Amino acid sequence: MKRQIILATLLSFLLACKKEKDIDPLVALTEKNTAALRNTEWYGLYRNKGEDAYGNYSGYRGYAIAFGNDSSFTFYGAGLQLNGFWTVRGDTSRFRFATGAQNRWSCVIQGDSLFSNFIQPLPDNFSFDRNLKKIPSPPIDVIGHTWTENSMSAGRFSLVFTDKTAGMGYPTTSQMKYTTPPVKNKIFNIVNSYGTLYFLLIVDGNTAWTFDNTAYNFQYNY
């Protein structure tokens, strides 16, 4: 009986070692990073280096990406919304827009807070900044709360979210409608009443950022 117990224990140990050895490190890393991206939101900066400073600002603009639970993502810019698909292999995430030029690009996943070492898509005058930051959860009462511009000037702007609009300005605010429903109260794409001025609002925890289509931005504190 004792011999049978020893043999059974040895067999279990050998099977466990074989199972652990059979796990492909690349597959394990791919599964880990895929799970880390699903249903998350990130933001960063991009620019079109071919634009000029006369109405077409050549500096960096804000953007955000919302990852779906499947292989889809939504790319948000100022007055811009594009859809695409993403995949992960090891520590590299690859992207492709579903329409238009269908640009492809990839980046290295570094931990759970940023991407780095972007490989830019075609055309090569379009480029991303190096890091893409994960958006943390905002305060519960984003809607209805008044945010204050991070400035020491006497005429600081304010920012107020409602269910359907975002108000920005001083001393009165102009209400701008969301072009799409907010993503978990983190990503807001809005347009003013004339339909000509587009903004992207990103709520990063206790800080809100505004980006328009010329890369102009404000920081608002909760």
Protein backbone atom coordinates (compact mmCIF):
# COMPACT_ATOMS: atom_id res chain seq x y z
CA MET A 1 0.00 0.00 0.00
CA LYS A 2 2.81 2.37 0.95
CA ARG A 3 4.55 1.59 -2.33
CA GLN A 4 1.38 2.40 -4.27
CA ILE A 5 1.06 5.74 -2.50
CA ILE A 6 4.67 6.60 -3.32
CA LEU A 7 4.18 5.65 -6.98
CA ALA A 8 0.95 7.67 -7.22
CA THR A 9 2.63 10.71 -5.68
CA LEU A 10 5.60 10.40 -8.03
CA LEU A 11 3.29 10.06 -11.04
CA SER A 12 1.31 13.16 -10.01
CA PHE A 13 4.54 15.11 -9.61
CA LEU A 14 5.82 14.07 -13.04
CA LEU A 15 2.50 14.94 -14.69
CA ALA A 16 2.48 18.36 -13.02
CA CYS A 17 6.03 19.04 -14.19
CA LYS A 18 5.15 17.98 -17.73
CA LYS A 19 2.04 20.18 -17.76
CA GLU A 20 4.04 23.18 -16.53
CA LYS A 21 6.75 22.49 -19.09
CA ASP A 22 4.18 22.23 -21.90
CA ILE A 23 2.88 25.78 -21.31
CA ASP A 24 4.21 27.98 -24.11
CA PRO A 25 5.57 31.23 -22.59
CA LEU A 26 4.50 33.16 -25.69
CA VAL A 27 0.93 31.86 -25.42
CA ALA A 28 0.81 32.66 -21.71
CA LEU A 29 2.08 36.21 -22.26
CA THR A 30 -0.36 36.73 -25.13
CA GLU A 31 -3.30 35.62 -23.01
CA LYS A 32 -2.20 37.81 -20.09
CA ASN A 33 -1.85 40.98 -22.20
CA THR A 34 -5.05 40.31 -24.15
CA ALA A 35 -7.00 40.06 -20.90
CA ALA A 36 -5.32 43.26 -19.63
CA LEU A 37 -6.56 45.27 -22.64
CA ARG A 38 -10.15 44.06 -22.89
CA ASN A 39 -12.79 46.64 -21.87
CA THR A 40 -10.20 49.32 -21.04
CA GLU A 41 -9.65 52.91 -22.25
CA TRP A 42 -6.35 54.61 -23.04
CA TYR A 43 -5.23 58.02 -24.31
CA GLY A 44 -2.18 59.71 -25.78
CA LEU A 45 -1.01 62.18 -28.41
CA TYR A 46 -0.63 62.01 -32.19
CA ARG A 47 0.16 64.45 -34.97
CA ASN A 48 0.19 64.80 -38.72
CA LYS A 49 3.65 66.18 -39.49
CA GLY A 50 2.56 67.24 -42.96
CA GLU A 51 0.19 69.94 -41.69
CA ASP A 52 1.19 73.57 -41.27
CA ALA A 53 0.51 76.14 -38.54
CA TYR A 54 -2.11 78.08 -40.54
CA GLY A 55 -5.34 76.54 -39.45
CA ASN A 56 -3.86 73.08 -39.58
CA TYR A 57 -1.76 72.84 -36.47
CA SER A 58 1.25 70.55 -36.78
CA GLY A 59 1.60 69.88 -33.04
CA TYR A 60 0.35 66.87 -31.15
CA ARG A 61 -3.37 66.26 -30.71
CA GLY A 62 -5.11 64.22 -28.08
CA TYR A 63 -6.74 60.89 -28.87
CA ALA A 64 -8.25 57.98 -26.97
CA ILE A 65 -8.78 54.30 -27.70
CA ALA A 66 -11.54 52.17 -26.16
CA PHE A 67 -10.86 48.45 -26.40
CA GLY A 68 -13.82 46.12 -26.78
CA ASN A 69 -14.28 42.74 -25.17
CA ASP A 70 -13.59 41.19 -28.56
CA SER A 71 -11.05 42.23 -31.20
CA SER A 72 -12.61 45.65 -31.91
CA PHE A 73 -11.52 49.13 -30.80
CA THR A 74 -12.81 52.67 -31.22
CA PHE A 75 -10.38 55.53 -31.89
CA TYR A 76 -11.51 58.98 -30.70
CA GLY A 77 -10.02 62.31 -31.75
CA ALA A 78 -11.34 65.87 -31.78
CA GLY A 79 -14.47 65.52 -33.91
CA LEU A 80 -13.22 62.15 -35.09
CA GLN A 81 -14.30 58.60 -34.43
CA LEU A 82 -12.89 55.55 -36.22
CA ASN A 83 -13.30 51.84 -35.68
CA GLY A 84 -10.74 49.12 -36.03
CA PHE A 85 -9.41 45.76 -34.88
CA TRP A 86 -6.64 44.77 -32.47
CA THR A 87 -4.66 41.63 -31.74
CA VAL A 88 -1.94 40.71 -29.27
CA ARG A 89 1.07 38.47 -29.71
CA GLY A 90 3.37 38.28 -26.73
CA ASP A 91 4.11 41.83 -25.61
CA THR A 92 3.12 43.46 -28.91
CA SER A 93 -0.33 44.80 -29.75
CA ARG A 94 -1.24 45.35 -33.40
CA PHE A 95 -3.92 47.70 -34.72
CA ARG A 96 -5.74 48.21 -38.01
CA PHE A 97 -8.45 50.71 -38.93
CA ALA A 98 -11.53 49.09 -40.48
CA THR A 99 -12.10 51.80 -43.10
CA GLY A 100 -10.27 54.53 -45.00
CA ALA A 101 -6.58 53.94 -45.55
CA GLN A 102 -6.81 51.00 -43.09
CA ASN A 103 -3.52 52.04 -41.56
CA ARG A 104 -1.80 49.44 -39.45
CA TRP A 105 0.49 50.08 -36.51
CA SER A 106 1.83 48.25 -33.50
CA CYS A 107 3.32 49.01 -30.13
CA VAL A 108 4.99 47.25 -27.24
CA ILE A 109 2.93 46.69 -24.09
CA GLN A 110 4.85 47.68 -20.98
CA GLY A 111 3.15 46.70 -17.76
CA ASP A 112 -0.48 47.69 -17.35
CA SER A 113 -0.15 51.46 -17.58
CA LEU A 114 1.35 52.41 -20.95
CA PHE A 115 2.48 51.38 -24.38
CA SER A 116 5.87 52.30 -25.74
CA ASN A 117 7.99 52.12 -28.89
CA PHE A 118 5.21 52.80 -31.37
CA ILE A 119 5.76 51.56 -34.88
CA GLN A 120 3.90 54.23 -36.82
CA PRO A 121 1.48 53.45 -39.65
CA LEU A 122 1.46 54.63 -43.23
CA PRO A 123 1.55 57.40 -44.30
CA ASP A 124 4.77 58.08 -42.47
CA ASN A 125 3.93 61.74 -41.82
CA PHE A 126 1.37 60.57 -39.26
CA SER A 127 2.93 59.68 -35.93
CA PHE A 128 2.06 58.82 -32.34
CA ASP A 129 3.72 60.02 -29.20
CA ARG A 130 5.65 57.26 -27.43
CA ASN A 131 3.26 56.56 -24.57
CA LEU A 132 -0.39 55.65 -24.38
CA LYS A 133 -1.75 55.94 -20.84
CA LYS A 134 -4.48 53.83 -19.33
CA ILE A 135 -7.43 55.92 -18.13
CA PRO A 136 -8.29 55.21 -14.49
CA SER A 137 -11.80 55.35 -13.11
CA PRO A 138 -13.17 58.90 -12.68
CA PRO A 139 -15.09 60.15 -9.63
CA ILE A 140 -18.62 58.75 -9.40
CA ASP A 141 -20.29 62.16 -9.82
CA VAL A 142 -18.61 63.34 -13.04
CA ILE A 143 -22.03 64.29 -14.38
CA GLY A 144 -23.24 67.51 -12.73
CA HIS A 145 -19.93 68.37 -11.08
CA THR A 146 -18.11 71.66 -11.84
CA TRP A 147 -14.44 71.29 -12.75
CA THR A 148 -11.94 74.16 -12.52
CA GLU A 149 -9.24 75.01 -15.04
CA ASN A 150 -5.73 74.44 -13.75
CA SER A 151 -4.60 78.05 -14.05
CA MET A 152 -3.74 80.92 -11.70
CA SER A 153 -5.49 83.52 -13.86
CA ALA A 154 -8.47 85.41 -12.46
CA GLY A 155 -10.72 84.34 -15.34
CA ARG A 156 -10.32 80.62 -15.03
CA PHE A 157 -12.58 78.55 -17.22
CA SER A 158 -14.98 76.02 -15.77
CA LEU A 159 -16.20 72.71 -17.09
CA VAL A 160 -19.59 71.16 -16.30
CA PHE A 161 -20.86 67.79 -17.52
CA THR A 162 -24.56 67.04 -17.95
CA ASP A 163 -26.26 63.93 -19.30
CA LYS A 164 -26.13 65.19 -22.90
CA THR A 165 -23.78 68.20 -22.98
CA ALA A 166 -20.52 69.57 -21.68
CA GLY A 167 -20.31 73.26 -20.79
CA MET A 168 -17.03 75.18 -21.00
CA GLY A 169 -16.29 78.86 -20.63
CA TYR A 170 -16.04 81.95 -18.39
CA PRO A 171 -18.00 83.59 -16.91
CA THR A 172 -20.82 81.80 -18.74
CA THR A 173 -20.53 78.40 -20.33
CA SER A 174 -21.47 77.34 -23.83
CA GLN A 175 -23.16 73.98 -24.00
CA MET A 176 -21.76 71.51 -26.50
CA LYS A 177 -23.48 68.25 -27.32
CA TYR A 178 -21.84 64.84 -27.26
CA THR A 179 -21.49 63.37 -30.72
CA THR A 180 -21.43 59.91 -29.17
CA PRO A 181 -22.38 58.63 -25.71
CA PRO A 182 -19.50 58.98 -23.23
CA VAL A 183 -17.37 55.89 -22.71
CA LYS A 184 -17.79 55.04 -19.02
CA ASN A 185 -17.76 58.79 -18.25
CA LYS A 186 -14.12 58.91 -19.40
CA ILE A 187 -14.15 59.78 -23.12
CA PHE A 188 -16.43 62.53 -24.45
CA ASN A 189 -16.54 63.61 -28.12
CA ILE A 190 -18.46 66.90 -28.42
CA VAL A 191 -19.44 69.57 -30.93
CA ASN A 192 -20.74 73.11 -30.34
CA SER A 193 -24.16 74.39 -31.43
CA TYR A 194 -22.77 75.50 -34.82
CA GLY A 195 -21.33 72.08 -35.53
CA THR A 196 -17.96 73.59 -36.39
CA LEU A 197 -15.83 73.33 -33.24
CA TYR A 198 -14.97 69.85 -32.10
CA PHE A 199 -13.51 68.81 -28.78
CA LEU A 200 -12.32 65.60 -27.23
CA LEU A 201 -12.70 65.44 -23.45
CA ILE A 202 -10.80 62.84 -21.47
CA VAL A 203 -11.41 62.36 -17.76
CA ASP A 204 -8.24 60.92 -16.24
CA GLY A 205 -9.21 60.15 -12.65
CA ASN A 206 -9.53 63.56 -10.94
CA THR A 207 -8.26 65.49 -13.98
CA ALA A 208 -10.06 66.36 -17.21
CA TRP A 209 -8.29 67.27 -20.44
CA THR A 210 -9.76 69.05 -23.46
CA PHE A 211 -8.30 68.73 -26.95
CA ASP A 212 -9.68 70.45 -30.04
CA ASN A 213 -8.73 69.86 -33.66
CA THR A 214 -5.70 72.16 -33.38
CA ALA A 215 -4.18 70.40 -30.35
CA TYR A 216 -5.20 73.24 -28.01
CA ASN A 217 -5.91 71.84 -24.57
CA PHE A 218 -6.87 72.77 -21.03
CA GLN A 219 -6.45 70.88 -17.80
CA TYR A 220 -9.36 70.92 -15.36
CA ASN A 221 -9.20 69.73 -11.77
CA TYR A 222 -11.99 67.97 -9.96
